């Protein structure tokens, strides 16, 4: 196993809605294929929104970088966003990004999973495709899943894959024995059934979108690529964030995340070596 690249690339920021920190670590991989985006958004009603995104590339970093560069413009440019339909706008933005990246030759064999959180002072929306994930913490320790992973062997995913004339390997649970996820940007060689719509392809970029009303008891949410979730379940992730932030008195958020990432470097659990993937993690604290 190669020596890990452990630079954490910390970022911290805040505005009237939230304060947040993030770290991104290459780890044992030969390159960093993750990308991320945090951006303030001005809504048509004049109120402020915040967009947080993680993109977990595979087969190269081209698709994740393309998505990080273009997602905000695609999102705020939709008719749905302008009309205040922020959840529907997320779904449309996923469609637009995937259609645009299809024009790039590399998108046949490269792809990226994605999880996006959009929030304003009233609500939170989460859209995900693949196995990047978001977890909401209420009342400092109550865990709420904001997204669910999409794996090829899941009943709903497998049905769509087979109806689009593709298959998964029963030993590896990979699409055509190759791809470990069933929803992503790019990966257009698996989106080749001309009789199916974009959301019916074997591998689709169509997200699940969830909406949450802000109740005033939101503490923070964790948004991370699967390098984190390979090692921690939702409750353990919240527990570990609480522990690391308590050690530092809550500031800076990125230092707590960096310490968490460092602790997740390779370990053997149940006969599997975990913690070898790229790791990108954000923690976003609400200002209620």
C-alpha atoms as a PDB file:
ATOM      1  CA  UNK A   1       0.000   0.000   0.000  1.00  0.00           C
ATOM      2  CA  UNK A   2       1.419   3.385  -1.021  1.00  0.00           C
ATOM      3  CA  UNK A   3       2.144   6.059   1.574  1.00  0.00           C
ATOM      4  CA  UNK A   4      -0.970   8.224   2.016  1.00  0.00           C
ATOM      5  CA  UNK A   5      -1.167  11.867   0.983  1.00  0.00           C
ATOM      6  CA  UNK A   6      -2.564  13.406   4.170  1.00  0.00           C
ATOM      7  CA  UNK A   7      -2.826  17.126   3.383  1.00  0.00           C
ATOM      8  CA  UNK A   8      -6.321  18.107   4.467  1.00  0.00           C
ATOM      9  CA  UNK A   9      -6.881  21.311   2.405  1.00  0.00           C
ATOM     10  CA  UNK A  10      -9.024  22.924   5.132  1.00  0.00           C
ATOM     11  CA  UNK A  11     -11.640  25.600   4.471  1.00  0.00           C
ATOM     12  CA  UNK A  12     -13.795  27.543   6.943  1.00  0.00           C
ATOM     13  CA  UNK A  13     -16.396  30.232   6.331  1.00  0.00           C
ATOM     14  CA  UNK A  14     -19.692  31.639   7.567  1.00  0.00           C
ATOM     15  CA  UNK A  15     -22.586  33.949   6.710  1.00  0.00           C
ATOM     16  CA  UNK A  16     -25.975  34.835   8.192  1.00  0.00           C
ATOM     17  CA  UNK A  17     -27.348  31.322   7.584  1.00  0.00           C
ATOM     18  CA  UNK A  18     -24.526  29.042   8.674  1.00  0.00           C
ATOM     19  CA  UNK A  19     -20.896  28.518   9.535  1.00  0.00           C
ATOM     20  CA  UNK A  20     -19.066  25.630   7.975  1.00  0.00           C
ATOM     21  CA  UNK A  21     -15.794  23.845   7.570  1.00  0.00           C
ATOM     22  CA  UNK A  22     -14.481  21.171   5.252  1.00  0.00           C
ATOM     23  CA  UNK A  23     -11.450  19.043   4.532  1.00  0.00           C
ATOM     24  CA  UNK A  24     -10.456  16.986   1.520  1.00  0.00           C
ATOM     25  CA  UNK A  25      -7.739  14.322   1.741  1.00  0.00           C
ATOM     26  CA  UNK A  26      -6.304  12.235  -1.103  1.00  0.00           C
ATOM     27  CA  UNK A  27      -5.272   9.393   1.208  1.00  0.00           C
ATOM     28  CA  UNK A  28      -3.948   6.210  -0.376  1.00  0.00           C
ATOM     29  CA  UNK A  29      -5.352   6.838  -3.841  1.00  0.00           C
ATOM     30  CA  UNK A  30      -2.982   7.820  -6.655  1.00  0.00           C
ATOM     31  CA  UNK A  31      -4.960  10.993  -7.322  1.00  0.00           C
ATOM     32  CA  UNK A  32      -7.711  13.111  -5.784  1.00  0.00           C
ATOM     33  CA  UNK A  33     -10.958  12.488  -7.663  1.00  0.00           C
ATOM     34  CA  UNK A  34     -13.284  14.271  -5.218  1.00  0.00           C
ATOM     35  CA  UNK A  35     -14.475  17.832  -5.797  1.00  0.00           C
ATOM     36  CA  UNK A  36     -16.734  20.143  -3.820  1.00  0.00           C
ATOM     37  CA  UNK A  37     -18.644  23.402  -3.989  1.00  0.00           C
ATOM     38  CA  UNK A  38     -19.903  25.906  -1.411  1.00  0.00           C
ATOM     39  CA  UNK A  39     -21.596  29.040  -2.675  1.00  0.00           C
ATOM     40  CA  UNK A  40     -24.019  31.753  -1.555  1.00  0.00           C
ATOM     41  CA  UNK A  41     -27.108  32.035  -3.719  1.00  0.00           C
ATOM     42  CA  UNK A  42     -29.419  35.035  -4.068  1.00  0.00           C
ATOM     43  CA  UNK A  43     -33.009  33.904  -4.490  1.00  0.00           C
ATOM     44  CA  UNK A  44     -35.530  35.710  -6.673  1.00  0.00           C
ATOM     45  CA  UNK A  45     -37.353  36.840  -3.509  1.00  0.00           C
ATOM     46  CA  UNK A  46     -34.175  38.579  -2.336  1.00  0.00           C
ATOM     47  CA  UNK A  47     -33.425  36.110   0.447  1.00  0.00           C
ATOM     48  CA  UNK A  48     -30.150  34.263   0.835  1.00  0.00           C
ATOM     49  CA  UNK A  49     -29.630  30.590   0.122  1.00  0.00           C
ATOM     50  CA  UNK A  50     -26.599  28.320   0.451  1.00  0.00           C
ATOM     51  CA  UNK A  51     -25.534  25.524  -1.847  1.00  0.00           C
ATOM     52  CA  UNK A  52     -23.225  22.776  -0.573  1.00  0.00           C
ATOM     53  CA  UNK A  53     -22.069  19.973  -2.879  1.00  0.00           C
ATOM     54  CA  UNK A  54     -19.694  17.009  -2.840  1.00  0.00           C
ATOM     55  CA  UNK A  55     -18.766  15.141  -6.003  1.00  0.00           C
ATOM     56  CA  UNK A  56     -17.000  11.780  -5.800  1.00  0.00           C
ATOM     57  CA  UNK A  57     -15.315  10.997  -9.104  1.00  0.00           C
ATOM     58  CA  UNK A  58     -14.332   7.612 -10.482  1.00  0.00           C
ATOM     59  CA  UNK A  59     -12.370   6.728 -13.606  1.00  0.00           C
ATOM     60  CA  UNK A  60     -10.639  10.100 -13.255  1.00  0.00           C
ATOM     61  CA  UNK A  61     -11.501  13.524 -11.842  1.00  0.00           C
ATOM     62  CA  UNK A  62     -12.873  15.084 -15.019  1.00  0.00           C
ATOM     63  CA  UNK A  63     -16.579  14.602 -14.301  1.00  0.00           C
ATOM     64  CA  UNK A  64     -16.389  15.653 -10.655  1.00  0.00           C
ATOM     65  CA  UNK A  65     -14.467  18.802 -11.619  1.00  0.00           C
ATOM     66  CA  UNK A  66     -16.932  19.565 -14.429  1.00  0.00           C
ATOM     67  CA  UNK A  67     -19.846  19.269 -12.005  1.00  0.00           C
ATOM     68  CA  UNK A  68     -18.194  21.429  -9.351  1.00  0.00           C
ATOM     69  CA  UNK A  69     -17.471  24.132 -11.924  1.00  0.00           C
ATOM     70  CA  UNK A  70     -20.920  24.205 -13.499  1.00  0.00           C
ATOM     71  CA  UNK A  71     -23.504  23.084 -10.934  1.00  0.00           C
ATOM     72  CA  UNK A  72     -24.299  26.457  -9.407  1.00  0.00           C
ATOM     73  CA  UNK A  73     -24.891  28.193 -12.735  1.00  0.00           C
ATOM     74  CA  UNK A  74     -27.034  25.308 -13.964  1.00  0.00           C
ATOM     75  CA  UNK A  75     -29.070  25.306 -10.747  1.00  0.00           C
ATOM     76  CA  UNK A  76     -29.852  29.016 -10.403  1.00  0.00           C
ATOM     77  CA  UNK A  77     -30.485  29.236 -14.145  1.00  0.00           C
ATOM     78  CA  UNK A  78     -33.410  26.822 -14.114  1.00  0.00           C
ATOM     79  CA  UNK A  79     -36.983  28.002 -14.459  1.00  0.00           C
ATOM     80  CA  UNK A  80     -37.825  26.035 -11.325  1.00  0.00           C
ATOM     81  CA  UNK A  81     -35.278  27.934  -9.222  1.00  0.00           C
ATOM     82  CA  UNK A  82     -36.565  31.275 -10.440  1.00  0.00           C
ATOM     83  CA  UNK A  83     -40.076  30.167  -9.426  1.00  0.00           C
ATOM     84  CA  UNK A  84     -38.939  29.152  -5.937  1.00  0.00           C
ATOM     85  CA  UNK A  85     -39.291  25.410  -6.555  1.00  0.00           C
ATOM     86  CA  UNK A  86     -35.881  24.620  -5.135  1.00  0.00           C
ATOM     87  CA  UNK A  87     -36.266  20.839  -4.909  1.00  0.00           C
ATOM     88  CA  UNK A  88     -37.504  20.532  -8.483  1.00  0.00           C
ATOM     89  CA  UNK A  89     -34.695  22.846  -9.560  1.00  0.00           C
ATOM     90  CA  UNK A  90     -32.140  20.440  -8.076  1.00  0.00           C
ATOM     91  CA  UNK A  91     -33.545  17.567 -10.116  1.00  0.00           C
ATOM     92  CA  UNK A  92     -33.458  19.640 -13.285  1.00  0.00           C
ATOM     93  CA  UNK A  93     -29.885  20.766 -12.573  1.00  0.00           C
ATOM     94  CA  UNK A  94     -28.792  17.113 -12.269  1.00  0.00           C
ATOM     95  CA  UNK A  95     -30.352  16.443 -15.683  1.00  0.00           C
ATOM     96  CA  UNK A  96     -28.664  19.469 -17.250  1.00  0.00           C
ATOM     97  CA  UNK A  97     -25.220  18.670 -15.844  1.00  0.00           C
ATOM     98  CA  UNK A  98     -25.401  15.094 -17.101  1.00  0.00           C
ATOM     99  CA  UNK A  99     -26.565  16.198 -20.548  1.00  0.00           C
ATOM    100  CA  UNK A 100     -23.719  18.720 -20.797  1.00  0.00           C
ATOM    101  CA  UNK A 101     -20.976  16.385 -19.628  1.00  0.00           C
ATOM    102  CA  UNK A 102     -22.179  13.804 -22.143  1.00  0.00           C
ATOM    103  CA  UNK A 103     -20.667  16.055 -24.836  1.00  0.00           C
ATOM    104  CA  UNK A 104     -17.218  15.293 -23.412  1.00  0.00           C
ATOM    105  CA  UNK A 105     -15.531  12.124 -24.687  1.00  0.00           C
ATOM    106  CA  UNK A 106     -14.238  11.248 -21.223  1.00  0.00           C
ATOM    107  CA  UNK A 107     -17.773  10.925 -19.838  1.00  0.00           C
ATOM    108  CA  UNK A 108     -18.220   7.501 -21.454  1.00  0.00           C
ATOM    109  CA  UNK A 109     -15.860   5.865 -18.977  1.00  0.00           C
ATOM    110  CA  UNK A 110     -15.596   8.402 -16.137  1.00  0.00           C
ATOM    111  CA  UNK A 111     -18.267   9.514 -13.733  1.00  0.00           C
ATOM    112  CA  UNK A 112     -19.077  11.054 -10.380  1.00  0.00           C
ATOM    113  CA  UNK A 113     -21.568  10.424  -7.630  1.00  0.00           C
ATOM    114  CA  UNK A 114     -23.011  13.535  -6.006  1.00  0.00           C
ATOM    115  CA  UNK A 115     -24.828  14.787  -2.939  1.00  0.00           C
ATOM    116  CA  UNK A 116     -26.122  18.362  -2.769  1.00  0.00           C
ATOM    117  CA  UNK A 117     -27.741  20.321   0.046  1.00  0.00           C
ATOM    118  CA  UNK A 118     -29.533  23.608  -0.598  1.00  0.00           C
ATOM    119  CA  UNK A 119     -30.784  25.601   2.382  1.00  0.00           C
ATOM    120  CA  UNK A 120     -32.443  28.893   3.169  1.00  0.00           C
ATOM    121  CA  UNK A 121     -33.869  30.294   6.407  1.00  0.00           C
ATOM    122  CA  UNK A 122     -37.008  28.161   6.142  1.00  0.00           C
ATOM    123  CA  UNK A 123     -36.165  24.817   4.564  1.00  0.00           C
ATOM    124  CA  UNK A 124     -33.435  22.363   3.563  1.00  0.00           C
ATOM    125  CA  UNK A 125     -33.345  20.263   0.403  1.00  0.00           C
ATOM    126  CA  UNK A 126     -31.047  17.323  -0.267  1.00  0.00           C
ATOM    127  CA  UNK A 127     -30.518  15.706  -3.664  1.00  0.00           C
ATOM    128  CA  UNK A 128     -28.297  12.663  -4.151  1.00  0.00           C
ATOM    129  CA  UNK A 129     -27.247  10.256  -6.875  1.00  0.00           C
ATOM    130  CA  UNK A 130     -24.919   7.452  -5.812  1.00  0.00           C
ATOM    131  CA  UNK A 131     -23.276   6.850  -2.466  1.00  0.00           C
ATOM    132  CA  UNK A 132     -22.195  10.303  -1.305  1.00  0.00           C
ATOM    133  CA  UNK A 133     -24.397  11.104   1.679  1.00  0.00           C
ATOM    134  CA  UNK A 134     -25.814  13.804   3.943  1.00  0.00           C
ATOM    135  CA  UNK A 135     -26.832  13.410   7.593  1.00  0.00           C
ATOM    136  CA  UNK A 136     -28.713  15.973   9.680  1.00  0.00           C
ATOM    137  CA  UNK A 137     -28.114  16.332  13.414  1.00  0.00           C
ATOM    138  CA  UNK A 138     -30.955  17.827  15.467  1.00  0.00           C
ATOM    139  CA  UNK A 139     -30.778  18.682  19.166  1.00  0.00           C
ATOM    140  CA  UNK A 140     -27.012  18.007  19.139  1.00  0.00           C
ATOM    141  CA  UNK A 141     -27.323  14.214  18.825  1.00  0.00           C
ATOM    142  CA  UNK A 142     -30.537  13.167  17.036  1.00  0.00           C
ATOM    143  CA  UNK A 143     -29.648  11.710  13.639  1.00  0.00           C
ATOM    144  CA  UNK A 144     -31.832  12.207  10.553  1.00  0.00           C
ATOM    145  CA  UNK A 145     -30.813  10.618   7.236  1.00  0.00           C
ATOM    146  CA  UNK A 146     -31.024  13.272   4.529  1.00  0.00           C
ATOM    147  CA  UNK A 147     -30.212  10.815   1.735  1.00  0.00           C
ATOM    148  CA  UNK A 148     -29.967   7.099   1.017  1.00  0.00           C
ATOM    149  CA  UNK A 149     -27.167   5.419  -0.931  1.00  0.00           C
ATOM    150  CA  UNK A 150     -27.872   3.965  -4.371  1.00  0.00           C
ATOM    151  CA  UNK A 151     -26.235   0.558  -4.879  1.00  0.00           C
ATOM    152  CA  UNK A 152     -26.725  -1.692  -7.950  1.00  0.00           C
ATOM    153  CA  UNK A 153     -27.982  -4.608  -5.836  1.00  0.00           C
ATOM    154  CA  UNK A 154     -30.806  -2.573  -4.266  1.00  0.00           C
ATOM    155  CA  UNK A 155     -34.161  -3.901  -5.461  1.00  0.00           C
ATOM    156  CA  UNK A 156     -35.295  -0.645  -7.071  1.00  0.00           C
ATOM    157  CA  UNK A 157     -31.922  -0.061  -8.716  1.00  0.00           C
ATOM    158  CA  UNK A 158     -31.562  -3.644  -9.956  1.00  0.00           C
ATOM    159  CA  UNK A 159     -35.020  -3.560 -11.540  1.00  0.00           C
ATOM    160  CA  UNK A 160     -34.146  -0.403 -13.492  1.00  0.00           C
ATOM    161  CA  UNK A 161     -30.754  -1.780 -14.540  1.00  0.00           C
ATOM    162  CA  UNK A 162     -32.251  -4.984 -15.914  1.00  0.00           C
ATOM    163  CA  UNK A 163     -35.133  -3.202 -17.637  1.00  0.00           C
ATOM    164  CA  UNK A 164     -32.531  -1.094 -19.435  1.00  0.00           C
ATOM    165  CA  UNK A 165     -30.912  -4.332 -20.724  1.00  0.00           C
ATOM    166  CA  UNK A 166     -27.902  -4.298 -18.423  1.00  0.00           C
ATOM    167  CA  UNK A 167     -26.934  -6.606 -15.561  1.00  0.00           C
ATOM    168  CA  UNK A 168     -24.936  -6.755 -12.358  1.00  0.00           C
ATOM    169  CA  UNK A 169     -22.313  -9.309 -11.377  1.00  0.00           C
ATOM    170  CA  UNK A 170     -23.634 -11.470  -8.546  1.00  0.00           C
ATOM    171  CA  UNK A 171     -20.164 -11.756  -6.969  1.00  0.00           C
ATOM    172  CA  UNK A 172     -19.192  -8.074  -6.993  1.00  0.00           C
ATOM    173  CA  UNK A 173     -22.611  -6.331  -7.222  1.00  0.00           C
ATOM    174  CA  UNK A 174     -21.169  -4.102  -9.953  1.00  0.00           C
ATOM    175  CA  UNK A 175     -22.999  -2.997 -13.097  1.00  0.00           C
ATOM    176  CA  UNK A 176     -21.691  -5.251 -15.891  1.00  0.00           C
ATOM    177  CA  UNK A 177     -19.068  -6.362 -13.390  1.00  0.00           C
ATOM    178  CA  UNK A 178     -17.460  -2.900 -13.544  1.00  0.00           C
ATOM    179  CA  UNK A 179     -19.304  -0.024 -11.862  1.00  0.00           C
ATOM    180  CA  UNK A 180     -20.005  -0.075  -8.115  1.00  0.00           C
ATOM    181  CA  UNK A 181     -22.748   2.596  -8.179  1.00  0.00           C
ATOM    182  CA  UNK A 182     -26.060   2.810 -10.001  1.00  0.00           C
ATOM    183  CA  UNK A 183     -26.535   6.600 -10.138  1.00  0.00           C
ATOM    184  CA  UNK A 184     -23.965   9.163 -11.206  1.00  0.00           C
ATOM    185  CA  UNK A 185     -23.036  11.950 -13.560  1.00  0.00           C
ATOM    186  CA  UNK A 186     -21.143  10.655 -16.593  1.00  0.00           C
ATOM    187  CA  UNK A 187     -20.665   6.886 -17.067  1.00  0.00           C
ATOM    188  CA  UNK A 188     -22.495   7.299 -20.356  1.00  0.00           C
ATOM    189  CA  UNK A 189     -21.583   3.891 -21.726  1.00  0.00           C
ATOM    190  CA  UNK A 190     -24.224   2.601 -19.289  1.00  0.00           C
ATOM    191  CA  UNK A 191     -26.785   5.132 -20.543  1.00  0.00           C
ATOM    192  CA  UNK A 192     -27.163   3.686 -24.017  1.00  0.00           C
ATOM    193  CA  UNK A 193     -30.769   2.478 -24.187  1.00  0.00           C
ATOM    194  CA  UNK A 194     -32.402   4.781 -26.730  1.00  0.00           C
ATOM    195  CA  UNK A 195     -35.893   3.581 -25.787  1.00  0.00           C
ATOM    196  CA  UNK A 196     -35.478   4.804 -22.201  1.00  0.00           C
ATOM    197  CA  UNK A 197     -35.641   8.310 -20.721  1.00  0.00           C
ATOM    198  CA  UNK A 198     -32.734   9.763 -18.725  1.00  0.00           C
ATOM    199  CA  UNK A 199     -34.153   8.564 -15.417  1.00  0.00           C
ATOM    200  CA  UNK A 200     -34.753   5.031 -16.769  1.00  0.00           C
ATOM    201  CA  UNK A 201     -31.186   4.286 -17.882  1.00  0.00           C
ATOM    202  CA  UNK A 202     -29.234   1.477 -16.208  1.00  0.00           C
ATOM    203  CA  UNK A 203     -27.085   4.111 -14.545  1.00  0.00           C
ATOM    204  CA  UNK A 204     -28.940   7.380 -14.111  1.00  0.00           C
ATOM    205  CA  UNK A 205     -28.129  10.828 -12.803  1.00  0.00           C
ATOM    206  CA  UNK A 206     -31.708  11.276 -11.601  1.00  0.00           C
ATOM    207  CA  UNK A 207     -31.521  12.129  -7.893  1.00  0.00           C
ATOM    208  CA  UNK A 208     -33.700  11.370  -4.956  1.00  0.00           C
ATOM    209  CA  UNK A 209     -34.745  14.739  -3.506  1.00  0.00           C
ATOM    210  CA  UNK A 210     -35.851  15.219   0.092  1.00  0.00           C
ATOM    211  CA  UNK A 211     -37.245  18.349   1.727  1.00  0.00           C
ATOM    212  CA  UNK A 212     -36.947  19.257   5.418  1.00  0.00           C
ATOM    213  CA  UNK A 213     -38.676  22.117   7.213  1.00  0.00           C
ATOM    214  CA  UNK A 214     -36.407  23.981   9.600  1.00  0.00           C
ATOM    215  CA  UNK A 215     -37.772  23.605  13.130  1.00  0.00           C
ATOM    216  CA  UNK A 216     -35.154  25.615  15.006  1.00  0.00           C
ATOM    217  CA  UNK A 217     -33.506  22.581  16.615  1.00  0.00           C
ATOM    218  CA  UNK A 218     -31.117  21.843  13.758  1.00  0.00           C
ATOM    219  CA  UNK A 219     -27.522  21.640  15.025  1.00  0.00           C
ATOM    220  CA  UNK A 220     -25.579  20.822  11.845  1.00  0.00           C
ATOM    221  CA  UNK A 221     -25.377  18.478   8.903  1.00  0.00           C
ATOM    222  CA  UNK A 222     -22.544  16.330   7.598  1.00  0.00           C
ATOM    223  CA  UNK A 223     -22.057  16.120   3.835  1.00  0.00           C
ATOM    224  CA  UNK A 224     -19.419  13.654   2.692  1.00  0.00           C
ATOM    225  CA  UNK A 225     -18.246  11.297  -0.022  1.00  0.00           C
ATOM    226  CA  UNK A 226     -18.330   7.548   0.496  1.00  0.00           C
ATOM    227  CA  UNK A 227     -14.740   7.450   1.749  1.00  0.00           C
ATOM    228  CA  UNK A 228     -16.222   8.595   5.054  1.00  0.00           C
ATOM    229  CA  UNK A 229     -19.283   6.363   4.992  1.00  0.00           C
ATOM    230  CA  UNK A 230     -17.191   3.270   4.243  1.00  0.00           C
ATOM    231  CA  UNK A 231     -15.848   3.721   7.773  1.00  0.00           C
ATOM    232  CA  UNK A 232     -18.708   5.264   9.754  1.00  0.00           C
ATOM    233  CA  UNK A 233     -22.475   4.860   9.879  1.00  0.00           C
ATOM    234  CA  UNK A 234     -24.697   7.904  10.357  1.00  0.00           C
ATOM    235  CA  UNK A 235     -24.851   7.780  14.152  1.00  0.00           C
ATOM    236  CA  UNK A 236     -21.134   7.128  14.540  1.00  0.00           C
ATOM    237  CA  UNK A 237     -20.326  10.029  12.220  1.00  0.00           C
ATOM    238  CA  UNK A 238     -22.398  12.400  14.360  1.00  0.00           C
ATOM    239  CA  UNK A 239     -20.828  11.007  17.529  1.00  0.00           C
ATOM    240  CA  UNK A 240     -17.324  11.500  16.132  1.00  0.00           C
ATOM    241  CA  UNK A 241     -18.017  15.053  14.936  1.00  0.00           C
ATOM    242  CA  UNK A 242     -19.366  15.901  18.383  1.00  0.00           C
ATOM    243  CA  UNK A 243     -16.276  14.402  20.019  1.00  0.00           C
ATOM    244  CA  UNK A 244     -13.770  16.164  17.766  1.00  0.00           C
ATOM    245  CA  UNK A 245     -15.509  19.540  18.000  1.00  0.00           C
ATOM    246  CA  UNK A 246     -15.742  19.280  21.792  1.00  0.00           C
ATOM    247  CA  UNK A 247     -11.979  18.773  22.000  1.00  0.00           C
ATOM    248  CA  UNK A 248     -11.445  22.060  20.149  1.00  0.00           C
ATOM    249  CA  UNK A 249     -14.261  24.059  21.691  1.00  0.00           C
ATOM    250  CA  UNK A 250     -16.066  24.077  18.358  1.00  0.00           C
ATOM    251  CA  UNK A 251     -13.503  26.133  16.430  1.00  0.00           C
ATOM    252  CA  UNK A 252     -12.281  25.840  13.783  1.00  0.00           C
ATOM    253  CA  UNK A 253     -14.666  23.327  12.252  1.00  0.00           C
ATOM    254  CA  UNK A 254     -12.135  22.222   9.628  1.00  0.00           C
ATOM    255  CA  UNK A 255      -9.601  21.186  12.282  1.00  0.00           C
ATOM    256  CA  UNK A 256     -12.136  18.852  13.869  1.00  0.00           C
ATOM    257  CA  UNK A 257     -12.882  17.364  10.450  1.00  0.00           C
ATOM    258  CA  UNK A 258      -9.175  16.999   9.693  1.00  0.00           C
ATOM    259  CA  UNK A 259      -8.629  15.099  12.927  1.00  0.00           C
ATOM    260  CA  UNK A 260     -11.567  12.873  12.061  1.00  0.00           C
ATOM    261  CA  UNK A 261     -10.206  12.115   8.590  1.00  0.00           C
ATOM    262  CA  UNK A 262      -6.775  11.323   9.979  1.00  0.00           C
ATOM    263  CA  UNK A 263      -8.295   8.818  12.384  1.00  0.00           C
ATOM    264  CA  UNK A 264     -10.025   7.013   9.491  1.00  0.00           C
ATOM    265  CA  UNK A 265      -6.842   6.132   7.602  1.00  0.00           C
ATOM    266  CA  UNK A 266      -6.634   2.406   6.861  1.00  0.00           C
ATOM    267  CA  UNK A 267      -7.813  -0.051   9.446  1.00  0.00           C
ATOM    268  CA  UNK A 268      -9.061  -3.613   9.207  1.00  0.00           C
ATOM    269  CA  UNK A 269     -12.712  -4.133  10.134  1.00  0.00           C
ATOM    270  CA  UNK A 270     -14.494  -7.461   9.685  1.00  0.00           C
ATOM    271  CA  UNK A 271     -11.692  -8.668   7.441  1.00  0.00           C
ATOM    272  CA  UNK A 272     -11.875  -5.616   5.144  1.00  0.00           C
ATOM    273  CA  UNK A 273      -9.335  -2.829   4.805  1.00  0.00           C
ATOM    274  CA  UNK A 274     -11.275   0.446   5.118  1.00  0.00           C
ATOM    275  CA  UNK A 275     -10.175   4.057   4.861  1.00  0.00           C
ATOM    276  CA  UNK A 276      -8.196   3.838   1.602  1.00  0.00           C
ATOM    277  CA  UNK A 277     -10.474   6.044  -0.510  1.00  0.00           C
ATOM    278  CA  UNK A 278     -10.304   9.792  -1.125  1.00  0.00           C
ATOM    279  CA  UNK A 279     -12.127  11.556   1.713  1.00  0.00           C
ATOM    280  CA  UNK A 280     -14.076  14.813   1.508  1.00  0.00           C
ATOM    281  CA  UNK A 281     -16.261  15.968   4.385  1.00  0.00           C
ATOM    282  CA  UNK A 282     -18.199  19.146   5.234  1.00  0.00           C
ATOM    283  CA  UNK A 283     -19.836  20.039   8.515  1.00  0.00           C
ATOM    284  CA  UNK A 284     -22.356  22.885   8.316  1.00  0.00           C
ATOM    285  CA  UNK A 285     -23.657  24.445  11.540  1.00  0.00           C
ATOM    286  CA  UNK A 286     -26.971  26.293  11.389  1.00  0.00           C
ATOM    287  CA  UNK A 287     -27.419  29.795  12.730  1.00  0.00           C
ATOM    288  CA  UNK A 288     -30.958  29.487  14.094  1.00  0.00           C
END
